[in-house]
Amino acid sequence: MRGKSSGRVRWLIVWTLFLSTVINYMSRQTFSVLSPLIARQFHFAHRDIGAILSSFQVSYATAWLAGGILLDALGTKAGLVIAAAWWSAVSLLSALASSVPAFAVFRFMLGVGEGFNWPGATKAVAEWFPAKERGVAVAIFDSGSSVGGALAAISIPWIALTAGWRWSFVFTGILGLAWLTLWIFVYYPLDKHPRVTLEETSLIRDGQSPHESAVEPRLRQWPKLLRDSNVWAIVIGRSLTDPIWWFYVFWLPQYLSDARGFSLQRITMFAWIPFVAADAGNFTGGFLADFFVRRGMQVVRARLMVCCISCIPILAGIPAALVQNSYCALALICVALWGYAAWSTMGLTLPADILPQSHVASVTGLSGLAAGLVGAAFTFSVGFLVDRVSYMPAFLAAGILPIIATAAVYRLIRAR
């Protein structure tokens, strides 16, 4: 029995990380989904909503870098234990907020804990998966963002309408504590896991490049990393694509309320659908890249090919703001998020493909810092644009930026 199950330990770990991502997105989406209701109750303007949302992104961005460094120093298990305890406690405390400063402070604190999730998950995939399986592995945990967004759009309004909006924050906090317990029992380093077999260990080790196990003193690595064009390819690529995701994640419920006249009940009915499309995009990108690799294409080249292809559906977001029919607009947003998620899966996989394991979390954190700060500025500017112009400039930028990002990645990346 032990031999039969132990060959799939790496998949158990990545599906546990999937659950973490689901809960992360449910907790960060709670305010966004409820923003039409909360804004009416407390008379918030769009710029107030933008300030609250961007406060999360500022701390989230900083935590990506700090979290990446700490994860490389403390290890994947301990780092995510600390982070999960933090974000669960903050979710519970968010139920006490009643003003713009209070919501902003709690969103800021939430970002501190949740900024550990992606560097930690990326590091775990680098440790536990051979290169040929990483596209699917990253697609699995990254797809939790889409599933979490969809579940938030369905469950959070229902809880708010039946028990009051404050209980929505309590609900996500309890989910985080439950995941923390699961993680403690599931994850161990590869060489210390009590249920992994020699066969699975050999499969993983044989599928990893020699440079992936290189170790370098933590402080000495940074001058070298900052001179590496691969690092800047990852940083610039994410900085120009992540703001698109944040725009749709944070502003879609408010957009449906403002521009399309959706009530909270209708938002519950329809706002989850684009996240299902994004979930499909995660797996489309992962499976397509792995298909190219199995057919003999070099790993990094396969990732870049998927990035290039993904730019086409992302452009569908531009006409979404122009069409009169609300359901046609939702369909176009679904296409755009499908393309974005395929691109994002490749962007998250690249660090593990071209960097040593000892650098993966740090570089992933650096790219998260840059992307988060750009995303925070973008999210904040959307609030001012909506108050003064419309949502159209944001949709236009969301369609064009991935093309620039892909060109930059092609220009800078140098596969080993």
Protein backbone atom coordinates (compact mmCIF):
# COMPACT_ATOMS: atom_id res chain seq x y z
CA MET A 1 0.00 0.00 0.00
CA ARG A 2 2.84 2.34 0.85
CA GLY A 3 4.61 1.74 -2.47
CA LYS A 4 1.45 2.35 -4.46
CA SER A 5 0.68 5.74 -2.90
CA SER A 6 4.20 7.06 -2.42
CA GLY A 7 4.79 7.43 -6.18
CA ARG A 8 2.33 10.31 -6.12
CA VAL A 9 3.60 12.28 -3.13
CA ARG A 10 4.64 15.22 -5.34
CA TRP A 11 1.10 15.46 -6.71
CA LEU A 12 -0.40 15.41 -3.22
CA ILE A 13 1.86 18.34 -2.33
CA VAL A 14 0.94 20.39 -5.39
CA TRP A 15 -2.80 19.82 -4.85
CA THR A 16 -2.36 20.98 -1.25
CA LEU A 17 -0.75 24.14 -2.66
CA PHE A 18 -3.76 24.43 -4.97
CA LEU A 19 -6.01 24.58 -1.90
CA SER A 20 -3.81 27.27 -0.38
CA THR A 21 -4.18 29.37 -3.53
CA VAL A 22 -7.95 28.86 -3.52
CA ILE A 23 -8.21 30.12 0.06
CA ASN A 24 -5.82 33.01 -0.66
CA TYR A 25 -8.05 34.23 -3.44
CA MET A 26 -11.25 33.79 -1.51
CA SER A 27 -9.85 35.93 1.32
CA ARG A 28 -8.44 38.68 -0.92
CA GLN A 29 -11.60 38.70 -3.07
CA THR A 30 -13.92 39.12 -0.11
CA PHE A 31 -13.72 42.90 -0.11
CA SER A 32 -13.80 43.15 -3.91
CA VAL A 33 -16.94 41.04 -4.22
CA LEU A 34 -18.64 42.96 -1.42
CA SER A 35 -17.42 46.40 -2.52
CA PRO A 36 -20.74 47.45 -4.14
CA LEU A 37 -22.55 46.62 -0.87
CA ILE A 38 -19.92 48.06 1.48
CA ALA A 39 -19.44 51.19 -0.67
CA ARG A 40 -23.15 51.96 -0.50
CA GLN A 41 -23.33 51.35 3.24
CA PHE A 42 -20.34 53.57 4.10
CA HIS A 43 -20.56 55.96 1.10
CA PHE A 44 -17.17 55.09 -0.41
CA ALA A 45 -16.13 56.71 -3.71
CA HIS A 46 -14.28 54.78 -6.43
CA ARG A 47 -11.01 56.39 -5.35
CA ASP A 48 -11.64 55.07 -1.81
CA ILE A 49 -12.12 51.56 -3.20
CA GLY A 50 -8.95 51.98 -5.26
CA ALA A 51 -7.01 53.05 -2.17
CA ILE A 52 -8.22 50.04 -0.17
CA LEU A 53 -7.44 47.58 -2.96
CA SER A 54 -4.02 49.07 -3.71
CA SER A 55 -3.05 48.94 -0.01
CA PHE A 56 -3.24 45.16 -0.28
CA GLN A 57 -1.08 45.17 -3.39
CA VAL A 58 1.66 47.35 -1.87
CA SER A 59 2.20 45.03 1.09
CA TYR A 60 1.63 41.96 -1.07
CA ALA A 61 4.37 43.12 -3.44
CA THR A 62 6.82 43.76 -0.62
CA ALA A 63 6.00 40.40 0.95
CA TRP A 64 6.75 38.61 -2.32
CA LEU A 65 10.37 39.75 -2.08
CA ALA A 66 10.73 39.42 1.69
CA GLY A 67 8.79 36.15 1.62
CA GLY A 68 10.99 34.77 -1.14
CA ILE A 69 14.16 35.55 0.79
CA LEU A 70 12.75 34.13 4.04
CA LEU A 71 11.50 30.99 2.29
CA ASP A 72 14.95 30.38 0.84
CA ALA A 73 16.39 30.83 4.35
CA LEU A 74 13.74 29.08 6.50
CA GLY A 75 12.55 26.44 4.08
CA THR A 76 9.23 25.94 2.31
CA LYS A 77 7.35 24.27 5.15
CA ALA A 78 8.17 26.69 7.97
CA GLY A 79 7.71 29.77 5.75
CA LEU A 80 4.20 28.79 4.66
CA VAL A 81 3.19 27.76 8.19
CA ILE A 82 4.00 31.27 9.44
CA ALA A 83 2.28 32.90 6.45
CA ALA A 84 -0.92 30.86 6.72
CA ALA A 85 -1.28 31.62 10.42
CA TRP A 86 -0.86 35.33 9.69
CA TRP A 87 -3.31 35.66 6.80
CA SER A 88 -5.94 33.56 8.59
CA ALA A 89 -5.80 35.79 11.67
CA VAL A 90 -6.03 38.95 9.55
CA SER A 91 -9.05 37.59 7.66
CA LEU A 92 -10.83 37.07 10.96
CA LEU A 93 -9.94 40.56 12.19
CA SER A 94 -11.16 42.17 8.94
CA ALA A 95 -14.72 41.56 10.10
CA LEU A 96 -14.23 44.50 12.50
CA ALA A 97 -13.59 47.14 9.80
CA SER A 98 -16.07 49.97 9.19
CA SER A 99 -14.09 52.76 7.47
CA VAL A 100 -11.66 53.38 4.62
CA PRO A 101 -8.59 53.49 6.94
CA ALA A 102 -9.66 50.31 8.75
CA PHE A 103 -10.27 48.37 5.55
CA ALA A 104 -6.98 49.67 4.11
CA VAL A 105 -5.01 48.59 7.20
CA PHE A 106 -6.51 45.09 7.23
CA ARG A 107 -6.02 44.69 3.46
CA PHE A 108 -2.41 45.81 3.93
CA MET A 109 -1.87 43.24 6.69
CA LEU A 110 -3.50 40.53 4.59
CA GLY A 111 -1.06 41.21 1.76
CA VAL A 112 1.88 40.69 4.13
CA GLY A 113 0.86 37.07 4.77
CA GLU A 114 -0.45 36.15 1.33
CA GLY A 115 2.70 37.41 -0.39
CA PHE A 116 4.43 34.19 0.75
CA ASN A 117 2.11 31.85 -1.13
CA TRP A 118 3.42 32.08 -4.70
CA PRO A 119 7.16 32.14 -3.90
CA GLY A 120 6.59 29.19 -1.58
CA ALA A 121 4.54 27.23 -4.09
CA THR A 122 7.04 27.93 -6.89
CA LYS A 123 9.89 26.81 -4.65
CA ALA A 124 8.04 23.62 -3.71
CA VAL A 125 7.48 22.78 -7.39
CA ALA A 126 11.19 23.37 -8.12
CA GLU A 127 12.08 21.00 -5.27
CA TRP A 128 9.55 18.26 -6.00
CA PHE A 129 9.10 18.12 -9.79
CA PRO A 130 11.27 17.26 -12.80
CA ALA A 131 11.36 19.92 -15.51
CA LYS A 132 9.03 18.02 -17.85
CA GLU A 133 6.19 18.05 -15.27
CA ARG A 134 6.53 21.59 -13.97
CA GLY A 135 4.19 23.20 -16.49
CA VAL A 136 1.28 21.07 -15.28
CA ALA A 137 2.36 21.34 -11.62
CA VAL A 138 2.41 25.15 -11.76
CA ALA A 139 -0.89 25.12 -13.66
CA ILE A 140 -2.43 23.10 -10.82
CA PHE A 141 -1.49 25.41 -7.96
CA ASP A 142 -1.90 28.58 -10.03
CA SER A 143 -5.38 27.48 -11.13
CA GLY A 144 -6.38 27.87 -7.50
CA SER A 145 -6.49 31.61 -8.14
CA SER A 146 -9.25 31.13 -10.70
CA VAL A 147 -11.12 28.59 -8.60
CA GLY A 148 -10.80 30.80 -5.54
CA GLY A 149 -12.07 33.82 -7.47
CA ALA A 150 -15.03 31.82 -8.77
CA LEU A 151 -15.88 30.40 -5.34
CA ALA A 152 -15.60 33.86 -3.80
CA ALA A 153 -18.02 35.27 -6.37
CA ILE A 154 -20.53 32.54 -5.49
CA SER A 155 -20.10 32.03 -1.75
CA ILE A 156 -19.19 35.46 -0.37
CA PRO A 157 -22.37 37.28 -1.55
CA TRP A 158 -24.48 34.35 -0.34
CA ILE A 159 -22.94 34.55 3.15
CA ALA A 160 -23.35 38.34 3.14
CA LEU A 161 -27.01 38.16 2.13
CA THR A 162 -27.88 35.44 4.65
CA ALA A 163 -25.69 36.21 7.68
CA GLY A 164 -24.24 39.68 7.08
CA TRP A 165 -21.11 40.74 5.20
CA ARG A 166 -18.84 40.60 8.27
CA TRP A 167 -19.29 36.81 8.47
CA SER A 168 -17.74 36.50 5.01
CA PHE A 169 -14.38 37.56 6.44
CA VAL A 170 -14.75 35.13 9.35
CA PHE A 171 -15.45 32.29 6.91
CA THR A 172 -12.23 32.80 4.93
CA GLY A 173 -10.20 33.05 8.13
CA ILE A 174 -11.46 29.66 9.32
CA LEU A 175 -10.62 28.13 5.93
CA GLY A 176 -7.04 29.38 6.26
CA LEU A 177 -6.59 27.76 9.67
CA ALA A 178 -7.92 24.47 8.31
CA TRP A 179 -5.37 24.55 5.47
CA LEU A 180 -2.55 25.29 7.91
CA THR A 181 -3.28 22.04 9.75
CA LEU A 182 -3.29 20.09 6.48
CA TRP A 183 0.05 21.58 5.32
CA ILE A 184 1.84 20.59 8.52
CA PHE A 185 1.00 16.92 7.89
CA VAL A 186 1.48 16.84 4.09
CA TYR A 187 4.74 18.66 3.34
CA TYR A 188 8.33 17.61 4.05
CA PRO A 189 11.54 18.23 2.07
CA LEU A 190 12.20 15.61 -0.60
CA ASP A 191 15.04 13.91 1.28
CA LYS A 192 13.06 13.76 4.55
CA HIS A 193 9.54 12.84 3.45
CA PRO A 194 8.35 9.68 5.26
CA ARG A 195 6.16 8.49 2.35
CA VAL A 196 8.30 9.09 -0.74
CA THR A 197 9.92 6.10 -2.46
CA LEU A 198 13.39 5.82 -3.95
CA GLU A 199 11.76 5.47 -7.38
CA GLU A 200 9.93 8.79 -7.09
CA THR A 201 13.02 10.50 -5.69
CA SER A 202 15.09 9.24 -8.62
CA LEU A 203 12.44 10.39 -11.09
CA ILE A 204 12.56 13.89 -9.61
CA ARG A 205 16.35 14.11 -9.30
CA ASP A 206 17.00 12.74 -12.79
CA GLY A 207 14.60 15.28 -14.30
CA GLN A 208 16.30 18.31 -12.74
CA SER A 209 19.18 20.16 -14.37
CA PRO A 210 22.53 20.22 -12.53
CA HIS A 211 22.38 24.00 -12.01
CA GLU A 212 19.13 23.64 -10.06
CA SER A 213 20.85 22.20 -7.00
CA ALA A 214 23.56 24.84 -6.87
CA VAL A 215 23.82 26.65 -3.53
CA GLU A 216 25.31 30.09 -3.01
CA PRO A 217 25.54 32.31 0.08
CA ARG A 218 22.34 34.38 0.36
CA LEU A 219 23.85 37.87 0.33
CA ARG A 220 26.47 37.14 -2.32
CA GLN A 221 23.86 35.96 -4.80
CA TRP A 222 22.15 39.33 -5.29
CA PRO A 223 24.80 41.26 -7.31
CA LYS A 224 25.04 38.30 -9.65
CA LEU A 225 21.28 37.94 -9.93
CA LEU A 226 20.76 41.61 -10.72
CA ARG A 227 23.22 41.33 -13.62
CA ASP A 228 21.41 38.33 -15.06
CA SER A 229 19.16 39.14 -18.03
CA ASN A 230 17.03 36.10 -17.19
CA VAL A 231 16.10 37.70 -13.87
CA TRP A 232 15.04 40.91 -15.62
CA ALA A 233 13.05 38.93 -18.19
CA ILE A 234 11.04 37.40 -15.34
CA VAL A 235 10.66 40.71 -13.50
CA ILE A 236 9.58 42.78 -16.52
CA GLY A 237 7.33 40.05 -17.88
CA ARG A 238 5.38 39.79 -14.66
CA SER A 239 5.32 43.54 -14.04
CA LEU A 240 3.51 44.09 -17.34
CA THR A 241 1.06 41.20 -17.05
CA ASP A 242 0.07 40.90 -13.37
CA PRO A 243 -1.73 44.30 -13.36
CA ILE A 244 -4.15 42.85 -15.91
CA TRP A 245 -5.14 40.08 -13.53
CA TRP A 246 -5.52 42.47 -10.62
CA PHE A 247 -7.73 44.72 -12.72
CA TYR A 248 -10.15 41.92 -13.53
CA VAL A 249 -9.97 40.34 -10.06
CA PHE A 250 -10.46 43.52 -8.04
CA TRP A 251 -12.64 45.64 -10.32
CA LEU A 252 -14.89 43.13 -12.10
CA PRO A 253 -17.67 43.07 -9.44
CA GLN A 254 -17.64 46.87 -9.22
CA TYR A 255 -17.58 47.17 -13.03
CA LEU A 256 -20.58 44.85 -13.35
CA SER A 257 -22.41 46.98 -10.79
CA ASP A 258 -21.42 50.38 -12.24
CA ALA A 259 -21.38 49.85 -16.00
CA ARG A 260 -23.70 46.87 -16.42
CA GLY A 261 -26.21 47.51 -13.62
CA PHE A 262 -25.78 44.14 -11.92
CA SER A 263 -27.20 43.68 -8.43
CA LEU A 264 -25.29 41.67 -5.82
CA GLN A 265 -27.50 38.68 -6.65
CA ARG A 266 -26.66 38.94 -10.37
CA ILE A 267 -22.98 39.35 -9.56
CA THR A 268 -23.26 36.07 -7.64
CA MET A 269 -24.81 34.43 -10.70
CA PHE A 270 -22.30 35.60 -13.32
CA ALA A 271 -19.05 36.99 -11.83
CA TRP A 272 -17.63 33.50 -11.24
CA ILE A 273 -17.67 32.54 -14.93
CA PRO A 274 -14.54 34.50 -16.03
CA PHE A 275 -12.55 32.76 -13.30
CA VAL A 276 -13.55 29.36 -14.67
CA ALA A 277 -12.22 30.53 -18.05
CA ALA A 278 -8.98 31.56 -16.34
CA ASP A 279 -8.77 28.13 -14.73
CA ALA A 280 -9.02 26.56 -18.18
CA GLY A 281 -6.27 28.93 -19.32
CA ASN A 282 -3.92 27.71 -16.57
CA PHE A 283 -4.22 24.14 -17.77
CA THR A 284 -4.19 25.09 -21.44
CA GLY A 285 -0.84 26.82 -20.98
CA GLY A 286 0.62 24.06 -18.81
CA PHE A 287 -0.46 21.17 -21.03
CA LEU A 288 0.48 22.97 -24.25
CA ALA A 289 4.00 23.75 -23.00
CA ASP A 290 4.50 20.19 -21.74
CA PHE A 291 3.20 18.90 -25.10
CA PHE A 292 5.84 20.94 -26.92
CA VAL A 293 8.54 19.63 -24.56
CA ARG A 294 7.50 16.01 -25.07
CA ARG A 295 7.74 16.59 -28.83
CA GLY A 296 11.37 17.62 -28.46
CA MET A 297 11.18 21.41 -28.10
CA GLN A 298 13.62 22.96 -25.64
CA VAL A 299 11.86 23.71 -22.33
CA VAL A 300 12.25 27.50 -22.21
CA ARG A 301 11.44 27.84 -25.90
CA ALA A 302 8.20 25.94 -25.30
CA ARG A 303 7.27 28.33 -22.48
CA LEU A 304 7.94 31.36 -24.67
CA MET A 305 5.88 29.92 -27.51
CA VAL A 306 2.87 29.63 -25.20
CA CYS A 307 3.38 33.24 -24.02
CA CYS A 308 3.32 34.44 -27.62
CA ILE A 309 0.17 32.47 -28.49
CA SER A 310 -1.58 33.70 -25.32
CA CYS A 311 -1.37 37.35 -26.36
CA ILE A 312 -4.05 36.81 -29.00
CA PRO A 313 -7.01 35.96 -26.72
CA ILE A 314 -5.93 38.59 -24.17
CA LEU A 315 -6.80 41.28 -26.75
CA ALA A 316 -10.48 40.32 -26.40
CA GLY A 317 -10.63 42.51 -23.29
CA ILE A 318 -10.54 45.68 -25.40
CA PRO A 319 -13.90 45.20 -27.20
CA ALA A 320 -15.42 43.96 -23.91
CA ALA A 321 -15.70 47.57 -22.76
CA LEU A 322 -17.31 48.66 -26.03
CA VAL A 323 -20.09 46.15 -26.68
CA GLN A 324 -23.61 47.02 -25.54
CA ASN A 325 -24.70 43.54 -24.52
CA SER A 326 -23.57 42.69 -20.97
CA TYR A 327 -23.36 38.96 -21.63
CA CYS A 328 -21.25 39.50 -24.74
CA ALA A 329 -18.93 41.66 -22.62
CA LEU A 330 -18.65 38.86 -20.05
CA ALA A 331 -17.85 36.36 -22.81
CA LEU A 332 -15.03 38.57 -24.11
CA ILE A 333 -13.66 39.01 -20.59
CA CYS A 334 -13.66 35.22 -20.26
CA VAL A 335 -11.57 34.91 -23.43
CA ALA A 336 -9.13 37.55 -22.17
CA LEU A 337 -8.69 35.86 -18.79
CA TRP A 338 -8.24 32.48 -20.47
CA GLY A 339 -5.32 33.90 -22.44
CA TYR A 340 -3.88 35.74 -19.44
CA ALA A 341 -3.91 32.59 -17.26
CA ALA A 342 -2.00 30.62 -19.91
CA TRP A 343 0.63 33.40 -20.00
CA SER A 344 0.80 33.57 -16.21
CA THR A 345 1.41 29.84 -15.86
CA MET A 346 4.45 30.16 -18.10
CA GLY A 347 5.70 33.22 -16.23
CA LEU A 348 5.54 31.36 -12.92
CA THR A 349 7.26 28.29 -14.36
CA LEU A 350 10.23 30.08 -15.92
CA PRO A 351 12.16 30.78 -12.66
CA ALA A 352 12.32 27.05 -11.89
CA ASP A 353 13.45 26.34 -15.47
CA ILE A 354 16.36 28.77 -15.68
CA LEU A 355 17.53 29.39 -12.10
CA PRO A 356 19.08 27.28 -9.31
CA GLN A 357 16.63 26.07 -6.66
CA SER A 358 18.39 28.22 -4.06
CA HIS A 359 17.44 31.33 -6.08
CA VAL A 360 13.93 30.44 -7.23
CA ALA A 361 11.97 31.88 -4.29
CA SER A 362 14.14 35.02 -4.12
CA VAL A 363 13.77 35.84 -7.83
CA THR A 364 10.08 34.94 -7.77
CA GLY A 365 9.78 37.32 -4.81
CA LEU A 366 11.65 40.07 -6.64
CA SER A 367 9.35 39.74 -9.65
CA GLY A 368 6.35 39.76 -7.32
CA LEU A 369 7.58 42.97 -5.69
CA ALA A 370 7.92 44.74 -9.03
CA ALA A 371 4.65 43.36 -10.37
CA GLY A 372 2.79 44.19 -7.17
CA LEU A 373 3.97 47.80 -7.09
CA VAL A 374 3.04 48.30 -10.74
CA GLY A 375 -0.27 46.57 -10.08
CA ALA A 376 -0.97 48.77 -7.05
CA ALA A 377 -0.39 51.89 -9.12
CA PHE A 378 -2.64 50.52 -11.86
CA THR A 379 -5.41 49.57 -9.41
CA PHE A 380 -5.25 52.97 -7.71
CA SER A 381 -5.36 54.79 -11.07
CA VAL A 382 -8.45 52.83 -12.15
CA GLY A 383 -10.42 54.40 -9.29
CA PHE A 384 -9.51 57.92 -10.44
CA LEU A 385 -10.15 57.07 -14.10
CA VAL A 386 -13.60 55.70 -13.34
CA ASP A 387 -14.53 58.76 -11.29
CA ARG A 388 -13.38 61.08 -14.11
CA VAL A 389 -13.57 59.17 -17.41
CA SER A 390 -14.64 55.52 -17.65
CA TYR A 391 -13.36 51.95 -17.46
CA MET A 392 -12.27 52.03 -21.12
CA PRO A 393 -8.60 53.13 -20.60
CA ALA A 394 -8.07 50.26 -18.17
CA PHE A 395 -9.47 47.69 -20.61
CA LEU A 396 -7.27 49.12 -23.37
CA ALA A 397 -4.11 48.88 -21.26
CA ALA A 398 -5.03 45.33 -20.20
CA GLY A 399 -5.05 44.26 -23.85
CA ILE A 400 -1.80 45.92 -24.93
CA LEU A 401 0.58 45.34 -22.00
CA PRO A 402 1.02 41.56 -22.53
CA ILE A 403 2.32 42.15 -26.04
CA ILE A 404 5.01 44.47 -24.66
CA ALA A 405 5.77 41.95 -21.90
CA THR A 406 6.22 39.09 -24.36
CA ALA A 407 8.56 41.13 -26.54
CA ALA A 408 10.66 42.01 -23.48
CA VAL A 409 10.88 38.39 -22.34
CA TYR A 410 11.94 37.21 -25.81
CA ARG A 411 14.60 39.91 -25.92
CA LEU A 412 16.09 39.31 -22.46
CA ILE A 413 15.89 35.62 -21.72
CA ARG A 414 18.95 33.44 -22.16
CA ALA A 415 18.18 29.76 -21.53
CA ARG A 416 20.94 27.68 -19.98
